Amino acid sequence: LIHACGFDSIPYDLGVLFTVEQLPEGVPLSISGYIR
């Protein structure tokens, strides 16, 4: 059951995943998203 599969919330959900994958593993991570 997968909700929010449009502009809510795919850019944010997958954008954060994409960003996490560019960062080191096993350490504290902080991400801020800014939408225009």
Full PDB file with SEQRES, HELIX, SHEET, SSBOND, CRYST1, ORIGX, SCALE, CONECT and MASTER records, all heavy atoms in Angstrom:
SEQRES   1 A   36  LEU ILE HIS ALA CYS GLY PHE ASP SER ILE PRO TYR ASP          
SEQRES   2 A   36  LEU GLY VAL LEU PHE THR VAL GLU GLN LEU PRO GLU GLY          
SEQRES   3 A   36  VAL PRO LEU SER ILE SER GLY TYR ILE ARG                      
HELIX    1 AA1 ILE A   10  VAL A   20  1                                  11    
CRYST1    1.000    1.000    1.000  90.00  90.00  90.00 P 1           1          
ORIGX1      1.000000  0.000000  0.000000        0.00000                         
ORIGX2      0.000000  1.000000  0.000000        0.00000                         
ORIGX3      0.000000  0.000000  1.000000        0.00000                         
SCALE1      1.000000  0.000000  0.000000        0.00000                         
SCALE2      0.000000  1.000000  0.000000        0.00000                         
SCALE3      0.000000  0.000000  1.000000        0.00000                         
ATOM      1  N   LEU A   1       0.862  -1.183   0.000  1.00  0.00           N  
ATOM      2  CA  LEU A   1       0.000   0.000   0.000  1.00  0.00           C  
ATOM      3  C   LEU A   1       0.896   1.230   0.000  1.00  0.00           C  
ATOM      4  O   LEU A   1       1.534   1.539   1.010  1.00  0.00           O  
ATOM      5  CB  LEU A   1      -0.911  -0.003   1.225  1.00  0.00           C  
ATOM      6  CG  LEU A   1      -1.710  -1.288   1.484  1.00  0.00           C  
ATOM      7  CD1 LEU A   1      -2.536  -1.154   2.763  1.00  0.00           C  
ATOM      8  CD2 LEU A   1      -2.616  -1.622   0.293  1.00  0.00           C  
ATOM      9  N   ILE A   2       0.956   1.926  -1.131  1.00  0.00           N  
ATOM     10  CA  ILE A   2       1.899   3.036  -1.272  1.00  0.00           C  
ATOM     11  C   ILE A   2       1.134   4.307  -1.612  1.00  0.00           C  
ATOM     12  O   ILE A   2       0.586   4.458  -2.709  1.00  0.00           O  
ATOM     13  CB  ILE A   2       2.953   2.735  -2.353  1.00  0.00           C  
ATOM     14  CG1 ILE A   2       3.575   1.344  -2.098  1.00  0.00           C  
ATOM     15  CG2 ILE A   2       4.037   3.808  -2.338  1.00  0.00           C  
ATOM     16  CD1 ILE A   2       4.503   0.894  -3.180  1.00  0.00           C  
ATOM     17  N   HIS A   3       1.093   5.207  -0.651  1.00  0.00           N  
ATOM     18  CA  HIS A   3       0.391   6.481  -0.822  1.00  0.00           C  
ATOM     19  C   HIS A   3       1.365   7.551  -1.325  1.00  0.00           C  
ATOM     20  O   HIS A   3       2.574   7.361  -1.359  1.00  0.00           O  
ATOM     21  CB  HIS A   3      -0.200   6.921   0.516  1.00  0.00           C  
ATOM     22  CG  HIS A   3      -1.126   5.923   1.132  1.00  0.00           C  
ATOM     23  ND1 HIS A   3      -2.413   5.717   0.684  1.00  0.00           N  
ATOM     24  CD2 HIS A   3      -0.949   5.045   2.155  1.00  0.00           C  
ATOM     25  CE1 HIS A   3      -2.984   4.771   1.414  1.00  0.00           C  
ATOM     26  NE2 HIS A   3      -2.119   4.344   2.306  1.00  0.00           N  
ATOM     27  N   ALA A   4       0.804   8.700  -1.707  1.00  0.00           N  
ATOM     28  CA  ALA A   4       1.598   9.891  -2.039  1.00  0.00           C  
ATOM     29  C   ALA A   4       2.599   9.639  -3.167  1.00  0.00           C  
ATOM     30  O   ALA A   4       3.783   9.922  -3.045  1.00  0.00           O  
ATOM     31  CB  ALA A   4       2.319  10.404  -0.785  1.00  0.00           C  
ATOM     32  N   CYS A   5       2.098   9.132  -4.292  1.00  0.00           N  
ATOM     33  CA  CYS A   5       2.964   8.797  -5.436  1.00  0.00           C  
ATOM     34  C   CYS A   5       2.919   9.848  -6.532  1.00  0.00           C  
ATOM     35  O   CYS A   5       3.055   9.537  -7.718  1.00  0.00           O  
ATOM     36  CB  CYS A   5       2.576   7.424  -5.998  1.00  0.00           C  
ATOM     37  SG  CYS A   5       2.948   6.065  -4.888  1.00  0.00           S  
ATOM     38  N   GLY A   6       2.695  11.108  -6.146  1.00  0.00           N  
ATOM     39  CA  GLY A   6       2.746  12.214  -7.100  1.00  0.00           C  
ATOM     40  C   GLY A   6       3.705  13.280  -6.600  1.00  0.00           C  
ATOM     41  O   GLY A   6       4.713  12.966  -5.965  1.00  0.00           O  
ATOM     42  N   PHE A   7       3.404  14.547  -6.866  1.00  0.00           N  
ATOM     43  CA  PHE A   7       4.254  15.632  -6.348  1.00  0.00           C  
ATOM     44  C   PHE A   7       4.302  15.576  -4.837  1.00  0.00           C  
ATOM     45  O   PHE A   7       5.310  15.933  -4.228  1.00  0.00           O  
ATOM     46  CB  PHE A   7       3.738  16.976  -6.864  1.00  0.00           C  
ATOM     47  CG  PHE A   7       4.622  18.125  -6.483  1.00  0.00           C  
ATOM     48  CD1 PHE A   7       5.927  18.191  -6.945  1.00  0.00           C  
ATOM     49  CD2 PHE A   7       4.151  19.140  -5.672  1.00  0.00           C  
ATOM     50  CE1 PHE A   7       6.756  19.252  -6.580  1.00  0.00           C  
ATOM     51  CE2 PHE A   7       4.968  20.200  -5.321  1.00  0.00           C  
ATOM     52  CZ  PHE A   7       6.270  20.258  -5.771  1.00  0.00           C  
ATOM     53  N   ASP A   8       3.214  15.199  -4.203  1.00  0.00           N  
ATOM     54  CA  ASP A   8       3.254  14.653  -2.841  1.00  0.00           C  
ATOM     55  C   ASP A   8       3.387  13.152  -3.031  1.00  0.00           C  
ATOM     56  O   ASP A   8       2.465  12.510  -3.544  1.00  0.00           O  
ATOM     57  CB  ASP A   8       1.968  14.946  -2.066  1.00  0.00           C  
ATOM     58  CG  ASP A   8       1.794  16.396  -1.652  1.00  0.00           C  
ATOM     59  OD1 ASP A   8       2.801  17.039  -1.326  1.00  0.00           O  
ATOM     60  OD2 ASP A   8       0.647  16.854  -1.665  1.00  0.00           O  
ATOM     61  N   SER A   9       4.524  12.494  -2.667  1.00  0.00           N  
ATOM     62  CA  SER A   9       5.688  13.067  -2.034  1.00  0.00           C  
ATOM     63  C   SER A   9       6.953  12.544  -2.704  1.00  0.00           C  
ATOM     64  O   SER A   9       8.010  12.471  -2.099  1.00  0.00           O  
ATOM     65  CB  SER A   9       5.726  12.659  -0.557  1.00  0.00           C  
ATOM     66  OG  SER A   9       4.615  13.125   0.168  1.00  0.00           O  
ATOM     67  N   ILE A  10       6.840  12.151  -3.993  1.00  0.00           N  
ATOM     68  CA  ILE A  10       7.955  11.488  -4.655  1.00  0.00           C  
ATOM     69  C   ILE A  10       9.222  12.347  -4.748  1.00  0.00           C  
ATOM     70  O   ILE A  10      10.320  11.854  -4.448  1.00  0.00           O  
ATOM     71  CB  ILE A  10       7.531  10.941  -6.034  1.00  0.00           C  
ATOM     72  CG1 ILE A  10       6.810   9.593  -5.840  1.00  0.00           C  
ATOM     73  CG2 ILE A  10       8.712  10.785  -6.978  1.00  0.00           C  
ATOM     74  CD1 ILE A  10       6.349   8.917  -7.108  1.00  0.00           C  
ATOM     75  N   PRO A  11       9.159  13.633  -5.139  1.00  0.00           N  
ATOM     76  CA  PRO A  11      10.421  14.384  -5.227  1.00  0.00           C  
ATOM     77  C   PRO A  11      11.181  14.413  -3.902  1.00  0.00           C  
ATOM     78  O   PRO A  11      12.417  14.329  -3.882  1.00  0.00           O  
ATOM     79  CB  PRO A  11       9.961  15.790  -5.636  1.00  0.00           C  
ATOM     80  CG  PRO A  11       8.659  15.565  -6.336  1.00  0.00           C  
ATOM     81  CD  PRO A  11       8.016  14.435  -5.595  1.00  0.00           C  
ATOM     82  N   TYR A  12      10.446  14.510  -2.792  1.00  0.00           N  
ATOM     83  CA  TYR A  12      11.065  14.593  -1.473  1.00  0.00           C  
ATOM     84  C   TYR A  12      11.556  13.218  -1.015  1.00  0.00           C  
ATOM     85  O   TYR A  12      12.711  13.066  -0.593  1.00  0.00           O  
ATOM     86  CB  TYR A  12      10.061  15.169  -0.468  1.00  0.00           C  
ATOM     87  CG  TYR A  12       9.311  16.342  -1.038  1.00  0.00           C  
ATOM     88  CD1 TYR A  12       8.054  16.187  -1.622  1.00  0.00           C  
ATOM     89  CD2 TYR A  12       9.889  17.608  -1.064  1.00  0.00           C  
ATOM     90  CE1 TYR A  12       7.389  17.258  -2.191  1.00  0.00           C  
ATOM     91  CE2 TYR A  12       9.229  18.693  -1.625  1.00  0.00           C  
ATOM     92  CZ  TYR A  12       7.971  18.508  -2.190  1.00  0.00           C  
ATOM     93  OH  TYR A  12       7.333  19.566  -2.758  1.00  0.00           O  
ATOM     94  N   ASP A  13      10.704  12.227  -1.102  1.00  0.00           N  
ATOM     95  CA  ASP A  13      11.052  10.890  -0.630  1.00  0.00           C  
ATOM     96  C   ASP A  13      12.227  10.313  -1.413  1.00  0.00           C  
ATOM     97  O   ASP A  13      13.219   9.852  -0.836  1.00  0.00           O  
ATOM     98  CB  ASP A  13       9.819   9.982  -0.753  1.00  0.00           C  
ATOM     99  CG  ASP A  13       9.979   8.683   0.017  1.00  0.00           C  
ATOM    100  OD1 ASP A  13      10.702   8.678   1.032  1.00  0.00           O  
ATOM    101  OD2 ASP A  13       9.363   7.676  -0.377  1.00  0.00           O  
ATOM    102  N   LEU A  14      12.151  10.347  -2.742  1.00  0.00           N  
ATOM    103  CA  LEU A  14      13.229   9.800  -3.554  1.00  0.00           C  
ATOM    104  C   LEU A  14      14.414  10.762  -3.640  1.00  0.00           C  
ATOM    105  O   LEU A  14      15.563  10.323  -3.781  1.00  0.00           O  
ATOM    106  CB  LEU A  14      12.727   9.453  -4.949  1.00  0.00           C  
ATOM    107  CG  LEU A  14      11.680   8.337  -5.011  1.00  0.00           C  
ATOM    108  CD1 LEU A  14      11.334   8.005  -6.453  1.00  0.00           C  
ATOM    109  CD2 LEU A  14      12.140   7.081  -4.286  1.00  0.00           C  
ATOM    110  N   GLY A  15      14.154  12.067  -3.540  1.00  0.00           N  
ATOM    111  CA  GLY A  15      15.252  13.032  -3.520  1.00  0.00           C  
ATOM    112  C   GLY A  15      16.122  12.862  -2.291  1.00  0.00           C  
ATOM    113  O   GLY A  15      17.359  12.937  -2.371  1.00  0.00           O  
ATOM    114  N   VAL A  16      15.505  12.634  -1.151  1.00  0.00           N  
ATOM    115  CA  VAL A  16      16.281  12.396   0.072  1.00  0.00           C  
ATOM    116  C   VAL A  16      17.050  11.082  -0.036  1.00  0.00           C  
ATOM    117  O   VAL A  16      18.226  11.001   0.336  1.00  0.00           O  
ATOM    118  CB  VAL A  16      15.365  12.412   1.310  1.00  0.00           C  
ATOM    119  CG1 VAL A  16      16.111  11.911   2.546  1.00  0.00           C  
ATOM    120  CG2 VAL A  16      14.841  13.823   1.565  1.00  0.00           C  
ATOM    121  N   LEU A  17      16.411  10.029  -0.562  1.00  0.00           N  
ATOM    122  CA  LEU A  17      17.113   8.761  -0.765  1.00  0.00           C  
ATOM    123  C   LEU A  17      18.324   8.967  -1.672  1.00  0.00           C  
ATOM    124  O   LEU A  17      19.433   8.479  -1.378  1.00  0.00           O  
ATOM    125  CB  LEU A  17      16.175   7.727  -1.379  1.00  0.00           C  
ATOM    126  CG  LEU A  17      16.815   6.388  -1.780  1.00  0.00           C  
ATOM    127  CD1 LEU A  17      17.344   5.650  -0.551  1.00  0.00           C  
ATOM    128  CD2 LEU A  17      15.826   5.516  -2.551  1.00  0.00           C  
ATOM    129  N   PHE A  18      18.146   9.684  -2.771  1.00  0.00           N  
ATOM    130  CA  PHE A  18      19.228   9.972  -3.712  1.00  0.00           C  
ATOM    131  C   PHE A  18      20.368  10.710  -3.007  1.00  0.00           C  
ATOM    132  O   PHE A  18      21.551  10.424  -3.232  1.00  0.00           O  
ATOM    133  CB  PHE A  18      18.670  10.812  -4.868  1.00  0.00           C  
ATOM    134  CG  PHE A  18      19.671  11.191  -5.915  1.00  0.00           C  
ATOM    135  CD1 PHE A  18      20.057  10.288  -6.898  1.00  0.00           C  
ATOM    136  CD2 PHE A  18      20.228  12.468  -5.930  1.00  0.00           C  
ATOM    137  CE1 PHE A  18      20.979  10.641  -7.881  1.00  0.00           C  
ATOM    138  CE2 PHE A  18      21.151  12.832  -6.905  1.00  0.00           C  
ATOM    139  CZ  PHE A  18      21.533  11.921  -7.881  1.00  0.00           C  
ATOM    140  N   THR A  19      20.021  11.651  -2.131  1.00  0.00           N  
ATOM    141  CA  THR A  19      21.021  12.430  -1.395  1.00  0.00           C  
ATOM    142  C   THR A  19      21.748  11.559  -0.376  1.00  0.00           C  
ATOM    143  O   THR A  19      22.974  11.626  -0.244  1.00  0.00           O  
ATOM    144  CB  THR A  19      20.349  13.632  -0.710  1.00  0.00           C  
ATOM    145  OG1 THR A  19      19.593  14.372  -1.671  1.00  0.00           O  
ATOM    146  CG2 THR A  19      21.386  14.555  -0.085  1.00  0.00           C  
ATOM    147  N   VAL A  20      20.993  10.756   0.356  1.00  0.00           N  
ATOM    148  CA  VAL A  20      21.586   9.842   1.343  1.00  0.00           C  
ATOM    149  C   VAL A  20      22.624   8.951   0.679  1.00  0.00           C  
ATOM    150  O   VAL A  20      23.707   8.688   1.238  1.00  0.00           O  
ATOM    151  CB  VAL A  20      20.485   8.993   2.018  1.00  0.00           C  
ATOM    152  CG1 VAL A  20      21.075   7.787   2.751  1.00  0.00           C  
ATOM    153  CG2 VAL A  20      19.673   9.846   2.997  1.00  0.00           C  
ATOM    154  N   GLU A  21      22.330   8.500  -0.517  1.00  0.00           N  
ATOM    155  CA  GLU A  21      23.241   7.583  -1.221  1.00  0.00           C  
ATOM    156  C   GLU A  21      24.545   8.262  -1.658  1.00  0.00           C  
ATOM    157  O   GLU A  21      25.499   7.574  -2.024  1.00  0.00           O  
ATOM    158  CB  GLU A  21      22.528   6.961  -2.415  1.00  0.00           C  
ATOM    159  CG  GLU A  21      21.440   5.979  -1.997  1.00  0.00           C  
ATOM    160  CD  GLU A  21      20.613   5.431  -3.148  1.00  0.00           C  
ATOM    161  OE1 GLU A  21      20.638   6.045  -4.242  1.00  0.00           O  
ATOM    162  OE2 GLU A  21      19.949   4.406  -2.945  1.00  0.00           O  
ATOM    163  N   GLN A  22      24.595   9.598  -1.614  1.00  0.00           N  
ATOM    164  CA  GLN A  22      25.831  10.324  -1.916  1.00  0.00           C  
ATOM    165  C   GLN A  22      26.667  10.573  -0.663  1.00  0.00           C  
ATOM    166  O   GLN A  22      27.772  11.121  -0.757  1.00  0.00           O  
ATOM    167  CB  GLN A  22      25.528  11.688  -2.573  1.00  0.00           C  
ATOM    168  CG  GLN A  22      24.412  11.724  -3.598  1.00  0.00           C  
ATOM    169  CD  GLN A  22      24.604  10.771  -4.748  1.00  0.00           C  
ATOM    170  OE1 GLN A  22      25.687  10.676  -5.311  1.00  0.00           O  
ATOM    171  NE2 GLN A  22      23.547  10.045  -5.095  1.00  0.00           N  
ATOM    172  N   LEU A  23      26.149  10.217   0.505  1.00  0.00           N  
ATOM    173  CA  LEU A  23      26.804  10.500   1.789  1.00  0.00           C  
ATOM    174  C   LEU A  23      27.380   9.226   2.395  1.00  0.00           C  
ATOM    175  O   LEU A  23      26.987   8.118   2.025  1.00  0.00           O  
ATOM    176  CB  LEU A  23      25.798  11.133   2.751  1.00  0.00           C  
ATOM    177  CG  LEU A  23      25.352  12.567   2.400  1.00  0.00           C  
ATOM    178  CD1 LEU A  23      24.103  12.946   3.182  1.00  0.00           C  
ATOM    179  CD2 LEU A  23      26.487  13.561   2.679  1.00  0.00           C  
ATOM    180  N   PRO A  24      28.322   9.350   3.335  1.00  0.00           N  
ATOM    181  CA  PRO A  24      28.923   8.167   3.958  1.00  0.00           C  
ATOM    182  C   PRO A  24      27.890   7.297   4.670  1.00  0.00           C  
ATOM    183  O   PRO A  24      26.864   7.786   5.145  1.00  0.00           O  
ATOM    184  CB  PRO A  24      29.916   8.769   4.970  1.00  0.00           C  
ATOM    185  CG  PRO A  24      30.196  10.149   4.476  1.00  0.00           C  
ATOM    186  CD  PRO A  24      28.923  10.603   3.826  1.00  0.00           C  
ATOM    187  N   GLU A  25      28.203   6.011   4.777  1.00  0.00           N  
ATOM    188  CA  GLU A  25      27.326   5.064   5.470  1.00  0.00           C  
ATOM    189  C   GLU A  25      27.675   4.988   6.955  1.00  0.00           C  
ATOM    190  O   GLU A  25      28.819   5.220   7.348  1.00  0.00           O  
ATOM    191  CB  GLU A  25      27.449   3.671   4.849  1.00  0.00           C  
ATOM    192  CG  GLU A  25      26.932   3.586   3.429  1.00  0.00           C  
ATOM    193  CD  GLU A  25      26.862   2.144   2.935  1.00  0.00           C  
ATOM    194  OE1 GLU A  25      26.344   1.284   3.681  1.00  0.00           O  
ATOM    195  OE2 GLU A  25      27.327   1.875   1.808  1.00  0.00           O  
ATOM    196  N   GLY A  26      26.659   4.646   7.758  1.00  0.00           N  
ATOM    197  CA  GLY A  26      26.885   4.341   9.164  1.00  0.00           C  
ATOM    198  C   GLY A  26      27.202   5.521  10.044  1.00  0.00           C  
ATOM    199  O   GLY A  26      27.743   5.361  11.143  1.00  0.00           O  
ATOM    200  N   VAL A  27      26.897   6.744   9.583  1.00  0.00           N  
ATOM    201  CA  VAL A  27      27.160   7.955  10.376  1.00  0.00           C  
ATOM    202  C   VAL A  27      25.875   8.775  10.481  1.00  0.00           C  
ATOM    203  O   VAL A  27      24.953   8.606   9.683  1.00  0.00           O  
ATOM    204  CB  VAL A  27      28.273   8.812   9.726  1.00  0.00           C  
ATOM    205  CG1 VAL A  27      29.580   8.034   9.652  1.00  0.00           C  
ATOM    206  CG2 VAL A  27      27.858   9.296   8.332  1.00  0.00           C  
ATOM    207  N   PRO A  28      25.780   9.677  11.461  1.00  0.00           N  
ATOM    208  CA  PRO A  28      24.613  10.556  11.544  1.00  0.00           C  
ATOM    209  C   PRO A  28      24.495  11.415  10.286  1.00  0.00           C  
ATOM    210  O   PRO A  28      25.501  11.937   9.786  1.00  0.00           O  
ATOM    211  CB  PRO A  28      24.899  11.422  12.781  1.00  0.00           C  
ATOM    212  CG  PRO A  28      25.809  10.582  13.621  1.00  0.00           C  
ATOM    213  CD  PRO A  28      26.672   9.834  12.635  1.00  0.00           C  
ATOM    214  N   LEU A  29      23.285  11.539   9.776  1.00  0.00           N  
ATOM    215  CA  LEU A  29      23.033  12.314   8.563  1.00  0.00           C  
ATOM    216  C   LEU A  29      21.960  13.365   8.826  1.00  0.00           C  
ATOM    217  O   LEU A  29      20.974  13.103   9.528  1.00  0.00           O  
ATOM    218  CB  LEU A  29      22.577  11.403   7.419  1.00  0.00           C  
ATOM    219  CG  LEU A  29      23.523  10.276   6.987  1.00  0.00           C  
ATOM    220  CD1 LEU A  29      22.881   9.464   5.869  1.00  0.00           C  
ATOM    221  CD2 LEU A  29      24.871  10.828   6.546  1.00  0.00           C  
ATOM    222  N   SER A  30      22.138  14.525   8.229  1.00  0.00           N  
ATOM    223  CA  SER A  30      21.157  15.612   8.326  1.00  0.00           C  
ATOM    224  C   SER A  30      20.893  16.151   6.928  1.00  0.00           C  
ATOM    225  O   SER A  30      21.824  16.475   6.199  1.00  0.00           O  
ATOM    226  CB  SER A  30      21.693  16.727   9.224  1.00  0.00           C  
ATOM    227  OG  SER A  30      20.837  17.856   9.189  1.00  0.00           O  
ATOM    228  N   ILE A  31      19.622  16.237   6.552  1.00  0.00           N  
ATOM    229  CA  ILE A  31      19.258  16.741   5.224  1.00  0.00           C  
ATOM    230  C   ILE A  31      18.169  17.808   5.361  1.00  0.00           C  
ATOM    231  O   ILE A  31      17.224  17.640   6.131  1.00  0.00           O  
ATOM    232  CB  ILE A  31      18.774  15.593   4.311  1.00  0.00           C  
ATOM    233  CG1 ILE A  31      19.925  14.611   4.063  1.00  0.00           C  
ATOM    234  CG2 ILE A  31      18.242  16.130   2.989  1.00  0.00           C  
ATOM    235  CD1 ILE A  31      19.555  13.431   3.196  1.00  0.00           C  
ATOM    236  N   SER A  32      18.334  18.886   4.607  1.00  0.00           N  
ATOM    237  CA  SER A  32      17.319  19.941   4.541  1.00  0.00           C  
ATOM    238  C   SER A  32      16.854  20.073   3.096  1.00  0.00           C  
ATOM    239  O   SER A  32      17.675  20.121   2.177  1.00  0.00           O  
ATOM    240  CB  SER A  32      17.892  21.281   5.019  1.00  0.00           C  
ATOM    241  OG  SER A  32      18.272  21.202   6.381  1.00  0.00           O  
ATOM    242  N   GLY A  33      15.530  20.110   2.899  1.00  0.00           N  
ATOM    243  CA  GLY A  33      14.953  20.245   1.574  1.00  0.00           C  
ATOM    244  C   GLY A  33      14.284  21.588   1.403  1.00  0.00           C  
ATOM    245  O   GLY A  33      13.547  22.034   2.291  1.00  0.00           O  
ATOM    246  N   TYR A  34      14.529  22.245   0.245  1.00  0.00           N  
ATOM    247  CA  TYR A  34      13.971  23.571  -0.041  1.00  0.00           C  
ATOM    248  C   TYR A  34      13.249  23.506  -1.391  1.00  0.00           C  
ATOM    249  O   TYR A  34      13.887  23.345  -2.429  1.00  0.00           O  
ATOM    250  CB  TYR A  34      15.076  24.621  -0.097  1.00  0.00           C  
ATOM    251  CG  TYR A  34      15.927  24.698   1.152  1.00  0.00           C  
ATOM    252  CD1 TYR A  34      17.037  23.876   1.301  1.00  0.00           C  
ATOM    253  CD2 TYR A  34      15.621  25.592   2.183  1.00  0.00           C  
ATOM    254  CE1 TYR A  34      17.829  23.938   2.449  1.00  0.00           C  
ATOM    255  CE2 TYR A  34      16.399  25.662   3.323  1.00  0.00           C  
ATOM    256  CZ  TYR A  34      17.505  24.835   3.454  1.00  0.00           C  
ATOM    257  OH  TYR A  34      18.279  24.894   4.595  1.00  0.00           O  
ATOM    258  N   ILE A  35      11.928  23.669  -1.375  1.00  0.00           N  
ATOM    259  CA  ILE A  35      11.144  23.540  -2.606  1.00  0.00           C  
ATOM    260  C   ILE A  35      10.745  24.911  -3.140  1.00  0.00           C  
ATOM    261  O   ILE A  35      10.318  25.803  -2.387  1.00  0.00           O  
ATOM    262  CB  ILE A  35       9.884  22.663  -2.386  1.00  0.00           C  
ATOM    263  CG1 ILE A  35       9.126  22.443  -3.695  1.00  0.00           C  
ATOM    264  CG2 ILE A  35       8.974  23.242  -1.298  1.00  0.00           C  
ATOM    265  CD1 ILE A  35       9.850  21.613  -4.710  1.00  0.00           C  
ATOM    266  N   ARG A  36      10.913  25.078  -4.448  1.00  0.00           N  
ATOM    267  CA  ARG A  36      10.385  26.231  -5.180  1.00  0.00           C  
ATOM    268  C   ARG A  36       9.571  25.678  -6.341  1.00  0.00           C  
ATOM    269  O   ARG A  36       9.934  24.648  -6.926  1.00  0.00           O  
ATOM    270  CB  ARG A  36      11.500  27.123  -5.714  1.00  0.00           C  
ATOM    271  CG  ARG A  36      12.363  27.777  -4.648  1.00  0.00           C  
ATOM    272  CD  ARG A  36      13.431  28.680  -5.253  1.00  0.00           C  
ATOM    273  NE  ARG A  36      14.292  27.953  -6.168  1.00  0.00           N  
ATOM    274  CZ  ARG A  36      14.438  28.248  -7.455  1.00  0.00           C  
ATOM    275  NH1 ARG A  36      13.768  29.258  -8.013  1.00  0.00           N  
ATOM    276  NH2 ARG A  36      15.252  27.543  -8.222  1.00  0.00           N  
TER     277      ARG A  36                                                      
MASTER        0    0    0    1    0    0    0    6  276    1    0    3          
END                                                                             
